[in-house]
PDB file of N, CA and C in Angstrom:
ATOM      1  N   LEU A   1     108.612  79.568  64.934  1.00  0.00           N
ATOM      2  CA  LEU A   1     109.169  80.327  66.046  1.00  0.00           C
ATOM      3  C   LEU A   1     108.112  81.315  66.541  1.00  0.00           C
ATOM      4  N   VAL A   2     107.837  81.287  67.839  1.00  0.00           N
ATOM      5  CA  VAL A   2     106.861  82.204  68.439  1.00  0.00           C
ATOM      6  C   VAL A   2     107.608  83.449  68.891  1.00  0.00           C
ATOM      7  N   THR A   3     107.235  84.604  68.328  1.00  0.00           N
ATOM      8  CA  THR A   3     107.948  85.842  68.662  1.00  0.00           C
ATOM      9  C   THR A   3     107.138  86.782  69.543  1.00  0.00           C
ATOM     10  N   ASN A   4     105.823  86.656  69.560  1.00  0.00           N
ATOM     11  CA  ASN A   4     105.013  87.522  70.400  1.00  0.00           C
ATOM     12  C   ASN A   4     103.656  86.875  70.659  1.00  0.00           C
ATOM     13  N   TYR A   5     102.808  87.532  71.427  1.00  0.00           N
ATOM     14  CA  TYR A   5     101.516  86.947  71.769  1.00  0.00           C
ATOM     15  C   TYR A   5     100.578  86.833  70.573  1.00  0.00           C
ATOM     16  N   LYS A   6     100.799  87.619  69.518  1.00  0.00           N
ATOM     17  CA  LYS A   6      99.982  87.482  68.306  1.00  0.00           C
ATOM     18  C   LYS A   6     100.192  86.094  67.687  1.00  0.00           C
ATOM     19  N   ASP A   7     101.459  85.658  67.668  1.00  0.00           N
ATOM     20  CA  ASP A   7     101.756  84.322  67.144  1.00  0.00           C
ATOM     21  C   ASP A   7     101.097  83.247  68.001  1.00  0.00           C
ATOM     22  N   ILE A   8     101.089  83.456  69.309  1.00  0.00           N
ATOM     23  CA  ILE A   8     100.469  82.487  70.216  1.00  0.00           C
ATOM     24  C   ILE A   8      98.980  82.369  69.920  1.00  0.00           C
ATOM     25  N   ILE A   9      98.306  83.505  69.733  1.00  0.00           N
ATOM     26  CA  ILE A   9      96.876  83.486  69.397  1.00  0.00           C
ATOM     27  C   ILE A   9      96.667  82.695  68.109  1.00  0.00           C
ATOM     28  N   HIS A  10      97.467  83.014  67.119  1.00  0.00           N
ATOM     29  CA  HIS A  10      97.320  82.358  65.825  1.00  0.00           C
ATOM     30  C   HIS A  10      97.532  80.845  65.941  1.00  0.00           C
ATOM     31  N   ILE A  11      98.580  80.440  66.617  1.00  0.00           N
ATOM     32  CA  ILE A  11      98.910  79.019  66.714  1.00  0.00           C
ATOM     33  C   ILE A  11      97.861  78.253  67.512  1.00  0.00           C
ATOM     34  N   PHE A  12      97.514  78.732  68.705  1.00  0.00           N
ATOM     35  CA  PHE A  12      96.639  77.964  69.579  1.00  0.00           C
ATOM     36  C   PHE A  12      95.154  78.093  69.280  1.00  0.00           C
ATOM     37  N   VAL A  13      94.722  79.246  68.842  1.00  0.00           N
ATOM     38  CA  VAL A  13      93.291  79.427  68.610  1.00  0.00           C
ATOM     39  C   VAL A  13      92.911  79.055  67.185  1.00  0.00           C
ATOM     40  N   PHE A  14      93.557  79.640  66.237  1.00  0.00           N
ATOM     41  CA  PHE A  14      93.116  79.477  64.863  1.00  0.00           C
ATOM     42  C   PHE A  14      93.598  78.178  64.226  1.00  0.00           C
ATOM     43  N   ARG A  15      94.832  77.811  64.430  1.00  0.00           N
ATOM     44  CA  ARG A  15      95.327  76.581  63.814  1.00  0.00           C
ATOM     45  C   ARG A  15      94.670  75.351  64.427  1.00  0.00           C
ATOM     46  N   SER A  16      94.453  75.375  65.754  1.00  0.00           N
ATOM     47  CA  SER A  16      93.864  74.201  66.388  1.00  0.00           C
ATOM     48  C   SER A  16      92.400  74.008  65.991  1.00  0.00           C
ATOM     49  N   SER A  17      91.722  75.096  65.665  1.00  0.00           N
ATOM     50  CA  SER A  17      90.308  74.978  65.291  1.00  0.00           C
ATOM     51  C   SER A  17      90.102  74.883  63.784  1.00  0.00           C
ATOM     52  N   GLY A  18      91.162  75.118  63.039  1.00  0.00           N
ATOM     53  CA  GLY A  18      91.053  75.057  61.583  1.00  0.00           C
ATOM     54  C   GLY A  18      90.407  76.286  60.978  1.00  0.00           C
ATOM     55  N   GLN A  19      90.169  77.333  61.767  1.00  0.00           N
ATOM     56  CA  GLN A  19      89.525  78.550  61.267  1.00  0.00           C
ATOM     57  C   GLN A  19      90.527  79.449  60.558  1.00  0.00           C
ATOM     58  N   GLN A  20      89.993  80.273  59.683  1.00  0.00           N
ATOM     59  CA  GLN A  20      90.806  81.298  59.056  1.00  0.00           C
ATOM     60  C   GLN A  20      90.898  82.487  60.017  1.00  0.00           C
ATOM     61  N   VAL A  21      91.961  83.260  59.908  1.00  0.00           N
ATOM     62  CA  VAL A  21      92.148  84.411  60.785  1.00  0.00           C
ATOM     63  C   VAL A  21      91.210  85.528  60.357  1.00  0.00           C
ATOM     64  N   ASN A  22      90.274  85.859  61.233  1.00  0.00           N
ATOM     65  CA  ASN A  22      89.342  86.956  61.022  1.00  0.00           C
ATOM     66  C   ASN A  22      89.916  88.153  61.759  1.00  0.00           C
ATOM     67  N   LYS A  23      90.120  89.282  61.085  1.00  0.00           N
ATOM     68  CA  LYS A  23      90.769  90.444  61.718  1.00  0.00           C
ATOM     69  C   LYS A  23      90.007  90.937  62.943  1.00  0.00           C
ATOM     70  N   HIS A  24      88.685  90.933  62.893  1.00  0.00           N
ATOM     71  CA  HIS A  24      87.881  91.404  64.023  1.00  0.00           C
ATOM     72  C   HIS A  24      88.062  90.476  65.227  1.00  0.00           C
ATOM     73  N   THR A  25      87.968  89.179  64.987  1.00  0.00           N
ATOM     74  CA  THR A  25      88.142  88.200  66.071  1.00  0.00           C
ATOM     75  C   THR A  25      89.551  88.281  66.634  1.00  0.00           C
ATOM     76  N   PHE A  26      90.508  88.404  65.754  1.00  0.00           N
ATOM     77  CA  PHE A  26      91.903  88.511  66.171  1.00  0.00           C
ATOM     78  C   PHE A  26      92.106  89.745  67.051  1.00  0.00           C
ATOM     79  N   SER A  27      91.532  90.872  66.681  1.00  0.00           N
ATOM     80  CA  SER A  27      91.646  92.112  67.455  1.00  0.00           C
ATOM     81  C   SER A  27      91.005  91.972  68.831  1.00  0.00           C
ATOM     82  N   MET A  28      89.849  91.302  68.864  1.00  0.00           N
ATOM     83  CA  MET A  28      89.171  91.101  70.150  1.00  0.00           C
ATOM     84  C   MET A  28      90.019  90.224  71.070  1.00  0.00           C
ATOM     85  N   LEU A  29      90.549  89.139  70.552  1.00  0.00           N
ATOM     86  CA  LEU A  29      91.401  88.261  71.357  1.00  0.00           C
ATOM     87  C   LEU A  29      92.660  88.996  71.812  1.00  0.00           C
ATOM     88  N   GLN A  30      93.212  89.773  70.930  1.00  0.00           N
ATOM     89  CA  GLN A  30      94.407  90.549  71.244  1.00  0.00           C
ATOM     90  C   GLN A  30      94.125  91.506  72.410  1.00  0.00           C
ATOM     91  N   ALA A  31      93.003  92.197  72.373  1.00  0.00           N
ATOM     92  CA  ALA A  31      92.637  93.136  73.439  1.00  0.00           C
ATOM     93  C   ALA A  31      92.391  92.404  74.750  1.00  0.00           C
ATOM     94  N   ARG A  32      91.728  91.255  74.694  1.00  0.00           N
ATOM     95  CA  ARG A  32      91.460  90.480  75.916  1.00  0.00           C
ATOM     96  C   ARG A  32      92.746  89.977  76.554  1.00  0.00           C
ATOM     97  N   ILE A  33      93.656  89.470  75.736  1.00  0.00           N
ATOM     98  CA  ILE A  33      94.930  88.979  76.270  1.00  0.00           C
ATOM     99  C   ILE A  33      95.725  90.125  76.873  1.00  0.00           C
ATOM    100  N   ALA A  34      95.762  91.256  76.203  1.00  0.00           N
ATOM    101  CA  ALA A  34      96.476  92.424  76.735  1.00  0.00           C
ATOM    102  C   ALA A  34      95.866  92.858  78.065  1.00  0.00           C
ATOM    103  N   GLY A  35      94.533  92.846  78.167  1.00  0.00           N
ATOM    104  CA  GLY A  35      93.868  93.206  79.416  1.00  0.00           C
ATOM    105  C   GLY A  35      94.188  92.232  80.533  1.00  0.00           C
ATOM    106  N   LEU A  36      94.171  90.948  80.222  1.00  0.00           N
ATOM    107  CA  LEU A  36      94.492  89.931  81.225  1.00  0.00           C
ATOM    108  C   LEU A  36      95.941  90.032  81.688  1.00  0.00           C
ATOM    109  N   LEU A  37      96.834  90.288  80.753  1.00  0.00           N
ATOM    110  CA  LEU A  37      98.238  90.453  81.126  1.00  0.00           C
ATOM    111  C   LEU A  37      98.413  91.672  82.033  1.00  0.00           C
ATOM    112  N   GLY A  38      97.738  92.763  81.696  1.00  0.00           N
ATOM    113  CA  GLY A  38      97.821  93.969  82.522  1.00  0.00           C
ATOM    114  C   GLY A  38      97.273  93.737  83.911  1.00  0.00           C
ATOM    115  N   LEU A  39      96.138  93.053  84.021  1.00  0.00           N
ATOM    116  CA  LEU A  39      95.547  92.740  85.317  1.00  0.00           C
ATOM    117  C   LEU A  39      96.460  91.835  86.125  1.00  0.00           C
ATOM    118  N   SER A  40      97.072  90.870  85.482  1.00  0.00           N
ATOM    119  CA  SER A  40      97.990  89.960  86.167  1.00  0.00           C
ATOM    120  C   SER A  40      99.172  90.727  86.751  1.00  0.00           C
ATOM    121  N   VAL A  41      99.700  91.654  85.994  1.00  0.00           N
ATOM    122  CA  VAL A  41     100.834  92.450  86.473  1.00  0.00           C
ATOM    123  C   VAL A  41     100.433  93.278  87.689  1.00  0.00           C
ATOM    124  N   VAL A  42      99.262  93.887  87.645  1.00  0.00           N
ATOM    125  CA  VAL A  42      98.779  94.690  88.774  1.00  0.00           C
ATOM    126  C   VAL A  42      98.624  93.820  90.020  1.00  0.00           C
ATOM    127  N   LEU A  43      98.024  92.656  89.881  1.00  0.00           N
ATOM    128  CA  LEU A  43      97.842  91.763  91.030  1.00  0.00           C
ATOM    129  C   LEU A  43      99.173  91.300  91.605  1.00  0.00           C
ATOM    130  N   ILE A  44     100.122  91.003  90.759  1.00  0.00           N
ATOM    131  CA  ILE A  44     101.446  90.593  91.232  1.00  0.00           C
ATOM    132  C   ILE A  44     102.117  91.735  91.985  1.00  0.00           C
ATOM    133  N   LEU A  45     102.041  92.946  91.455  1.00  0.00           N
ATOM    134  CA  LEU A  45     102.659  94.099  92.120  1.00  0.00           C
ATOM    135  C   LEU A  45     102.009  94.381  93.475  1.00  0.00           C
ATOM    136  N   LEU A  46     100.689  94.260  93.557  1.00  0.00           N
ATOM    137  CA  LEU A  46     100.008  94.461  94.846  1.00  0.00           C
ATOM    138  C   LEU A  46     100.420  93.405  95.860  1.00  0.00           C
ATOM    139  N   THR A  47     100.530  92.174  95.435  1.00  0.00           N
ATOM    140  CA  THR A  47     100.964  91.099  96.326  1.00  0.00           C
ATOM    141  C   THR A  47     102.366  91.358  96.843  1.00  0.00           C
ATOM    142  N   ILE A  48     103.255  91.780  95.965  1.00  0.00           N
ATOM    143  CA  ILE A  48     104.631  92.083  96.370  1.00  0.00           C
ATOM    144  C   ILE A  48     104.650  93.241  97.349  1.00  0.00           C
ATOM    145  N   GLN A  49     103.857  94.275  97.091  1.00  0.00           N
ATOM    146  CA  GLN A  49     103.824  95.435  97.973  1.00  0.00           C
ATOM    147  C   GLN A  49     103.356  95.052  99.375  1.00  0.00           C
ATOM    148  N   ILE A  50     102.297  94.259  99.471  1.00  0.00           N
ATOM    149  CA  ILE A  50     101.788  93.837 100.772  1.00  0.00           C
ATOM    150  C   ILE A  50     102.820  92.973 101.483  1.00  0.00           C
ATOM    151  N   HIS A  51     103.450  92.059 100.758  1.00  0.00           N
ATOM    152  CA  HIS A  51     104.460  91.187 101.352  1.00  0.00           C
ATOM    153  C   HIS A  51     105.645  92.008 101.861  1.00  0.00           C
ATOM    154  N   ASN A  52     106.090  92.998 101.068  1.00  0.00           N
ATOM    155  CA  ASN A  52     107.215  93.840 101.484  1.00  0.00           C
ATOM    156  C   ASN A  52     106.886  94.662 102.714  1.00  0.00           C
ATOM    157  N   ARG A  53     105.649  95.138 102.825  1.00  0.00           N
ATOM    158  CA  ARG A  53     105.249  95.876 104.026  1.00  0.00           C
ATOM    159  C   ARG A  53     105.365  94.991 105.253  1.00  0.00           C
ATOM    160  N   LYS A  54     104.958  93.751 105.099  1.00  0.00           N
ATOM    161  CA  LYS A  54     105.024  92.806 106.211  1.00  0.00           C
ATOM    162  C   LYS A  54     106.480  92.571 106.615  1.00  0.00           C
ATOM    163  N   ILE A  55     107.335  92.317 105.641  1.00  0.00           N
ATOM    164  CA  ILE A  55     108.745  92.052 105.923  1.00  0.00           C
ATOM    165  C   ILE A  55     109.407  93.278 106.544  1.00  0.00           C
ATOM    166  N   ASN A  56     109.177  94.455 105.971  1.00  0.00           N
ATOM    167  CA  ASN A  56     109.794  95.673 106.492  1.00  0.00           C
ATOM    168  C   ASN A  56     109.331  95.985 107.900  1.00  0.00           C
ATOM    169  N   ALA A  57     108.097  95.713 108.209  1.00  0.00           N
ATOM    170  CA  ALA A  57     107.579  95.971 109.551  1.00  0.00           C
ATOM    171  C   ALA A  57     108.287  95.113 110.565  1.00  0.00           C
ATOM    172  N   VAL A  58     108.507  93.862 110.235  1.00  0.00           N
ATOM    173  CA  VAL A  58     109.142  92.952 111.181  1.00  0.00           C
ATOM    174  C   VAL A  58     110.628  93.228 111.283  1.00  0.00           C
ATOM    175  N   LYS A  59     111.302  93.463 110.144  1.00  0.00           N
ATOM    176  CA  LYS A  59     112.746  93.680 110.144  1.00  0.00           C
ATOM    177  C   LYS A  59     113.153  94.953 110.876  1.00  0.00           C
ATOM    178  N   GLY A  60     112.482  96.052 110.561  1.00  0.00           N
ATOM    179  CA  GLY A  60     112.904  97.341 111.089  1.00  0.00           C
ATOM    180  C   GLY A  60     112.238  97.713 112.397  1.00  0.00           C
ATOM    181  N   SER A  61     111.681  96.759 113.057  1.00  0.00           N
ATOM    182  CA  SER A  61     110.875  97.055 114.224  1.00  0.00           C
ATOM    183  C   SER A  61     111.671  97.028 115.524  1.00  0.00           C
ATOM    184  N   ASN A  62     111.478  98.058 116.332  1.00  0.00           N
ATOM    185  CA  ASN A  62     112.022  98.072 117.692  1.00  0.00           C
ATOM    186  C   ASN A  62     110.901  97.821 118.679  1.00  0.00           C
ATOM    187  N   GLU A  63     109.807  97.323 118.192  1.00  0.00           N
ATOM    188  CA  GLU A  63     108.612  97.169 119.011  1.00  0.00           C
ATOM    189  C   GLU A  63     108.766  96.008 119.987  1.00  0.00           C
ATOM    190  N   THR A  64     108.059  96.152 121.089  1.00  0.00           N
ATOM    191  CA  THR A  64     108.099  95.130 122.132  1.00  0.00           C
ATOM    192  C   THR A  64     106.710  94.536 122.319  1.00  0.00           C
ATOM    193  N   SER A  65     106.603  93.620 123.242  1.00  0.00           N
ATOM    194  CA  SER A  65     105.320  92.969 123.499  1.00  0.00           C
ATOM    195  C   SER A  65     104.297  93.908 124.127  1.00  0.00           C
ATOM    196  N   SER A  66     104.740  95.026 124.656  1.00  0.00           N
ATOM    197  CA  SER A  66     103.803  95.941 125.316  1.00  0.00           C
ATOM    198  C   SER A  66     103.091  96.887 124.348  1.00  0.00           C
ATOM    199  N   GLY A  67     103.644  97.051 123.123  1.00  0.00           N
ATOM    200  CA  GLY A  67     103.012  97.950 122.154  1.00  0.00           C
ATOM    201  C   GLY A  67     103.294  99.400 122.489  1.00  0.00           C
ATOM    202  N   PRO A  68     102.734 100.349 121.774  1.00  0.00           N
ATOM    203  CA  PRO A  68     101.928 100.210 120.560  1.00  0.00           C
ATOM    204  C   PRO A  68     102.792  99.715 119.399  1.00  0.00           C
ATOM    205  N   TRP A  69     102.113  99.239 118.368  1.00  0.00           N
ATOM    206  CA  TRP A  69     102.789  98.650 117.215  1.00  0.00           C
ATOM    207  C   TRP A  69     102.596  99.554 116.002  1.00  0.00           C
ATOM    208  N   GLU A  70     103.443 100.583 115.925  1.00  0.00           N
ATOM    209  CA  GLU A  70     103.324 101.604 114.871  1.00  0.00           C
ATOM    210  C   GLU A  70     103.592 101.050 113.480  1.00  0.00           C
ATOM    211  N   SER A  71     104.385 100.000 113.384  1.00  0.00           N
ATOM    212  CA  SER A  71     104.713  99.453 112.068  1.00  0.00           C
ATOM    213  C   SER A  71     103.503  98.828 111.374  1.00  0.00           C
ATOM    214  N   CYS A  72     102.429  98.607 112.111  1.00  0.00           N
ATOM    215  CA  CYS A  72     101.226  98.006 111.522  1.00  0.00           C
ATOM    216  C   CYS A  72     100.441  98.984 110.651  1.00  0.00           C
ATOM    217  N   VAL A  73     100.641 100.264 110.824  1.00  0.00           N
ATOM    218  CA  VAL A  73      99.880 101.245 110.042  1.00  0.00           C
ATOM    219  C   VAL A  73     100.192 101.061 108.560  1.00  0.00           C
ATOM    220  N   GLY A  74      99.132 100.889 107.758  1.00  0.00           N
ATOM    221  CA  GLY A  74      99.273 100.662 106.329  1.00  0.00           C
ATOM    222  C   GLY A  74      99.352  99.196 105.949  1.00  0.00           C
ATOM    223  N   MET A  75      99.391  98.330 106.940  1.00  0.00           N
ATOM    224  CA  MET A  75      99.517  96.892 106.713  1.00  0.00           C
ATOM    225  C   MET A  75      98.120  96.257 106.679  1.00  0.00           C
ATOM    226  N   ALA A  76      97.996  95.117 106.014  1.00  0.00           N
ATOM    227  CA  ALA A  76      96.749  94.361 106.056  1.00  0.00           C
ATOM    228  C   ALA A  76      96.543  93.855 107.488  1.00  0.00           C
ATOM    229  N   THR A  77      95.295  93.826 107.950  1.00  0.00           N
ATOM    230  CA  THR A  77      95.016  93.445 109.343  1.00  0.00           C
ATOM    231  C   THR A  77      95.567  92.066 109.692  1.00  0.00           C
ATOM    232  N   GLU A  78      95.502  91.107 108.754  1.00  0.00           N
ATOM    233  CA  GLU A  78      95.996  89.757 109.040  1.00  0.00           C
ATOM    234  C   GLU A  78      97.490  89.777 109.333  1.00  0.00           C
ATOM    235  N   TYR A  79      98.246  90.542 108.540  1.00  0.00           N
ATOM    236  CA  TYR A  79      99.694  90.624 108.748  1.00  0.00           C
ATOM    237  C   TYR A  79     100.009  91.339 110.050  1.00  0.00           C
ATOM    238  N   CYS A  80      99.230  92.342 110.369  1.00  0.00           N
ATOM    239  CA  CYS A  80      99.407  93.054 111.621  1.00  0.00           C
ATOM    240  C   CYS A  80      99.200  92.101 112.800  1.00  0.00           C
ATOM    241  N   GLU A  81      98.144  91.309 112.734  1.00  0.00           N
ATOM    242  CA  GLU A  81      97.895  90.333 113.798  1.00  0.00           C
ATOM    243  C   GLU A  81      99.054  89.352 113.928  1.00  0.00           C
ATOM    244  N   GLU A  82      99.579  88.866 112.816  1.00  0.00           N
ATOM    245  CA  GLU A  82     100.722  87.947 112.841  1.00  0.00           C
ATOM    246  C   GLU A  82     101.934  88.614 113.484  1.00  0.00           C
ATOM    247  N   HIS A  83     102.185  89.864 113.113  1.00  0.00           N
ATOM    248  CA  HIS A  83     103.329  90.600 113.646  1.00  0.00           C
ATOM    249  C   HIS A  83     103.205  90.771 115.163  1.00  0.00           C
ATOM    250  N   ILE A  84     102.045  91.206 115.605  1.00  0.00           N
ATOM    251  CA  ILE A  84     101.844  91.428 117.039  1.00  0.00           C
ATOM    252  C   ILE A  84     101.928  90.105 117.798  1.00  0.00           C
ATOM    253  N   THR A  85     101.334  89.056 117.266  1.00  0.00           N
ATOM    254  CA  THR A  85     101.374  87.746 117.919  1.00  0.00           C
ATOM    255  C   THR A  85     102.807  87.237 118.033  1.00  0.00           C
ATOM    256  N   SER A  86     103.654  87.558 117.069  1.00  0.00           N
ATOM    257  CA  SER A  86     105.056  87.134 117.146  1.00  0.00           C
ATOM    258  C   SER A  86     105.796  87.827 118.291  1.00  0.00           C
ATOM    259  N   LEU A  87     105.290  88.988 118.706  1.00  0.00           N
ATOM    260  CA  LEU A  87     105.908  89.731 119.805  1.00  0.00           C
ATOM    261  C   LEU A  87     105.188  89.510 121.132  1.00  0.00           C
ATOM    262  N   ALA A  88     103.884  89.305 121.068  1.00  0.00           N
ATOM    263  CA  ALA A  88     103.066  89.188 122.279  1.00  0.00           C
ATOM    264  C   ALA A  88     102.043  88.074 122.078  1.00  0.00           C
ATOM    265  N   SER A  89     102.342  86.899 122.585  1.00  0.00           N
ATOM    266  CA  SER A  89     101.454  85.752 122.370  1.00  0.00           C
ATOM    267  C   SER A  89     100.245  85.746 123.305  1.00  0.00           C
ATOM    268  N   ASP A  90     100.221  86.665 124.251  1.00  0.00           N
ATOM    269  CA  ASP A  90      99.146  86.685 125.259  1.00  0.00           C
ATOM    270  C   ASP A  90      97.972  87.588 124.886  1.00  0.00           C
ATOM    271  N   VAL A  91      97.865  87.989 123.631  1.00  0.00           N
ATOM    272  CA  VAL A  91      96.834  88.955 123.255  1.00  0.00           C
ATOM    273  C   VAL A  91      95.755  88.319 122.369  1.00  0.00           C
ATOM    274  N   TYR A  92      94.606  88.990 122.354  1.00  0.00           N
ATOM    275  CA  TYR A  92      93.571  88.677 121.375  1.00  0.00           C
ATOM    276  C   TYR A  92      93.197  89.987 120.698  1.00  0.00           C
ATOM    277  N   PHE A  93      92.547  89.884 119.551  1.00  0.00           N
ATOM    278  CA  PHE A  93      92.338  91.065 118.720  1.00  0.00           C
ATOM    279  C   PHE A  93      90.870  91.436 118.595  1.00  0.00           C
ATOM    280  N   SER A  94      90.653  92.737 118.554  1.00  0.00           N
ATOM    281  CA  SER A  94      89.351  93.296 118.257  1.00  0.00           C
ATOM    282  C   SER A  94      89.549  94.192 117.040  1.00  0.00           C
ATOM    283  N   VAL A  95      89.117  93.706 115.871  1.00  0.00           N
ATOM    284  CA  VAL A  95      89.290  94.461 114.629  1.00  0.00           C
ATOM    285  C   VAL A  95      88.029  95.294 114.420  1.00  0.00           C
ATOM    286  N   ILE A  96      88.225  96.605 114.383  1.00  0.00           N
ATOM    287  CA  ILE A  96      87.093  97.530 114.303  1.00  0.00           C
ATOM    288  C   ILE A  96      87.364  98.615 113.257  1.00  0.00           C
ATOM    289  N   GLY A  97      86.319  99.329 112.895  1.00  0.00           N
ATOM    290  CA  GLY A  97      86.465 100.457 111.981  1.00  0.00           C
ATOM    291  C   GLY A  97      87.132 101.630 112.676  1.00  0.00           C
ATOM    292  N   VAL A  98      87.665 102.525 111.897  1.00  0.00           N
ATOM    293  CA  VAL A  98      88.386 103.680 112.452  1.00  0.00           C
ATOM    294  C   VAL A  98      87.502 104.508 113.374  1.00  0.00           C
ATOM    295  N   ASP A  99      86.260 104.724 113.015  1.00  0.00           N
ATOM    296  CA  ASP A  99      85.370 105.587 113.795  1.00  0.00           C
ATOM    297  C   ASP A  99      84.398 104.820 114.687  1.00  0.00           C
ATOM    298  N   ASP A 100      84.572 103.502 114.799  1.00  0.00           N
ATOM    299  CA  ASP A 100      83.673 102.720 115.643  1.00  0.00           C
ATOM    300  C   ASP A 100      83.852 103.094 117.107  1.00  0.00           C
ATOM    301  N   SER A 101      82.736 103.140 117.838  1.00  0.00           N
ATOM    302  CA  SER A 101      82.824 103.392 119.279  1.00  0.00           C
ATOM    303  C   SER A 101      83.163 102.079 119.983  1.00  0.00           C
ATOM    304  N   VAL A 102      83.837 102.199 121.121  1.00  0.00           N
ATOM    305  CA  VAL A 102      84.288 101.023 121.863  1.00  0.00           C
ATOM    306  C   VAL A 102      83.913 101.166 123.334  1.00  0.00           C
ATOM    307  N   THR A 103      83.985 100.066 124.051  1.00  0.00           N
ATOM    308  CA  THR A 103      83.705 100.099 125.490  1.00  0.00           C
ATOM    309  C   THR A 103      84.844 100.790 126.223  1.00  0.00           C
ATOM    310  N   ALA A 104      84.562 101.305 127.398  1.00  0.00           N
ATOM    311  CA  ALA A 104      85.556 102.053 128.168  1.00  0.00           C
ATOM    312  C   ALA A 104      86.426 101.151 129.037  1.00  0.00           C
ATOM    313  N   ASP A 105      86.095  99.865 129.133  1.00  0.00           N
ATOM    314  CA  ASP A 105      86.898  98.972 129.976  1.00  0.00           C
ATOM    315  C   ASP A 105      88.292  98.786 129.386  1.00  0.00           C
ATOM    316  N   TYR A 106      89.258  98.548 130.264  1.00  0.00           N
ATOM    317  CA  TYR A 106      90.641  98.371 129.838  1.00  0.00           C
ATOM    318  C   TYR A 106      91.033  96.915 130.050  1.00  0.00           C
ATOM    319  N   ASP A 107      91.478  96.265 128.992  1.00  0.00           N
ATOM    320  CA  ASP A 107      91.874  94.860 129.049  1.00  0.00           C
ATOM    321  C   ASP A 107      93.277  94.753 128.460  1.00  0.00           C
ATOM    322  N   VAL A 108      94.269  94.419 129.280  1.00  0.00           N
ATOM    323  CA  VAL A 108      95.663  94.377 128.813  1.00  0.00           C
ATOM    324  C   VAL A 108      95.908  93.284 127.776  1.00  0.00           C
ATOM    325  N   SER A 109      95.010  92.327 127.685  1.00  0.00           N
ATOM    326  CA  SER A 109      95.173  91.252 126.703  1.00  0.00           C
ATOM    327  C   SER A 109      94.539  91.596 125.352  1.00  0.00           C
ATOM    328  N   ARG A 110      93.719  92.634 125.329  1.00  0.00           N
ATOM    329  CA  ARG A 110      93.029  93.004 124.085  1.00  0.00           C
ATOM    330  C   ARG A 110      93.860  94.022 123.301  1.00  0.00           C
ATOM    331  N   VAL A 111      93.924  93.791 122.002  1.00  0.00           N
ATOM    332  CA  VAL A 111      94.554  94.753 121.095  1.00  0.00           C
ATOM    333  C   VAL A 111      93.488  95.155 120.085  1.00  0.00           C
ATOM    334  N   ARG A 112      93.195  96.444 120.065  1.00  0.00           N
ATOM    335  CA  ARG A 112      92.218  96.956 119.092  1.00  0.00           C
ATOM    336  C   ARG A 112      92.951  97.376 117.833  1.00  0.00           C
ATOM    337  N   ILE A 113      92.481  96.838 116.724  1.00  0.00           N
ATOM    338  CA  ILE A 113      93.057  97.193 115.424  1.00  0.00           C
ATOM    339  C   ILE A 113      92.002  97.994 114.672  1.00  0.00           C
ATOM    340  N   ARG A 114      92.285  99.273 114.492  1.00  0.00           N
ATOM    341  CA  ARG A 114      91.361 100.164 113.773  1.00  0.00           C
ATOM    342  C   ARG A 114      91.749 100.154 112.302  1.00  0.00           C
ATOM    343  N   GLN A 115      90.789  99.768 111.468  1.00  0.00           N
ATOM    344  CA  GLN A 115      91.075  99.562 110.053  1.00  0.00           C
ATOM    345  C   GLN A 115      89.980 100.125 109.162  1.00  0.00           C
ATOM    346  N   THR A 116      90.353 100.305 107.900  1.00  0.00           N
ATOM    347  CA  THR A 116      89.408 100.657 106.841  1.00  0.00           C
ATOM    348  C   THR A 116      89.718  99.738 105.672  1.00  0.00           C
ATOM    349  N   ASP A 117      88.721  99.000 105.229  1.00  0.00           N
ATOM    350  CA  ASP A 117      88.872  98.076 104.104  1.00  0.00           C
ATOM    351  C   ASP A 117      90.031  97.097 104.298  1.00  0.00           C
ATOM    352  N   GLY A 118      90.231  96.647 105.541  1.00  0.00           N
ATOM    353  CA  GLY A 118      91.248  95.641 105.822  1.00  0.00           C
ATOM    354  C   GLY A 118      92.656  96.178 105.980  1.00  0.00           C
ATOM    355  N   ILE A 119      92.825  97.496 105.961  1.00  0.00           N
ATOM    356  CA  ILE A 119      94.146  98.119 106.119  1.00  0.00           C
ATOM    357  C   ILE A 119      94.177  98.897 107.423  1.00  0.00           C
ATOM    358  N   VAL A 120      95.197  98.643 108.238  1.00  0.00           N
ATOM    359  CA  VAL A 120      95.330  99.280 109.550  1.00  0.00           C
ATOM    360  C   VAL A 120      95.573 100.777 109.370  1.00  0.00           C
ATOM    361  N   GLN A 121      94.793 101.593 110.093  1.00  0.00           N
ATOM    362  CA  GLN A 121      94.867 103.054 109.965  1.00  0.00           C
ATOM    363  C   GLN A 121      95.514 103.726 111.166  1.00  0.00           C
ATOM    364  N   VAL A 122      95.426 103.087 112.339  1.00  0.00           N
ATOM    365  CA  VAL A 122      95.929 103.669 113.594  1.00  0.00           C
ATOM    366  C   VAL A 122      96.811 102.630 114.276  1.00  0.00           C
ATOM    367  N   SER A 123      97.882 103.082 114.933  1.00  0.00           N
ATOM    368  CA  SER A 123      98.763 102.143 115.637  1.00  0.00           C
ATOM    369  C   SER A 123      97.991 101.333 116.664  1.00  0.00           C
ATOM    370  N   PRO A 124      97.971 100.002 116.523  1.00  0.00           N
ATOM    371  CA  PRO A 124      97.279  99.170 117.509  1.00  0.00           C
ATOM    372  C   PRO A 124      97.992  99.250 118.866  1.00  0.00           C
ATOM    373  N   SER A 125      97.219  99.152 119.914  1.00  0.00           N
ATOM    374  CA  SER A 125      97.795  99.139 121.266  1.00  0.00           C
ATOM    375  C   SER A 125      96.942  98.291 122.161  1.00  0.00           C
ATOM    376  N   ARG A 126      97.492  97.953 123.306  1.00  0.00           N
ATOM    377  CA  ARG A 126      96.744  97.166 124.284  1.00  0.00           C
ATOM    378  C   ARG A 126      95.647  98.028 124.905  1.00  0.00           C
ATOM    379  N   GLY A 127      94.634  97.364 125.371  1.00  0.00           N
ATOM    380  CA  GLY A 127      93.569  98.089 126.070  1.00  0.00           C
ATOM    381  C   GLY A 127      92.277  97.606 125.656  1.00  0.00           C
TER     382      GLY A 127
END
């Protein structure tokens, strides 16, 4: 009966190789598995958080095709683009840094998305 990850290490690593259980090796494997499990949990939680932001932005949105799209703030740029495209199919995107300088021309089809590290920082709008 497997009751915890220590038993799993013992069964799959040591029994399959015919080795005796070395306490040092066992401790190292135990630490690596614990680290991998912790990393997996963090990645799953981040994925859920990003997905929930996307869902909440679309569900609770009173936004129209004219913008601005305030619900995009804090969202990944890709999800923001999907959200805006679902409301306004006539736009194209210019993804830029928060402090990047831009041209002064006004284009109603262009939506500038100001981001840092792939996360929207300012409400995107037409122009």
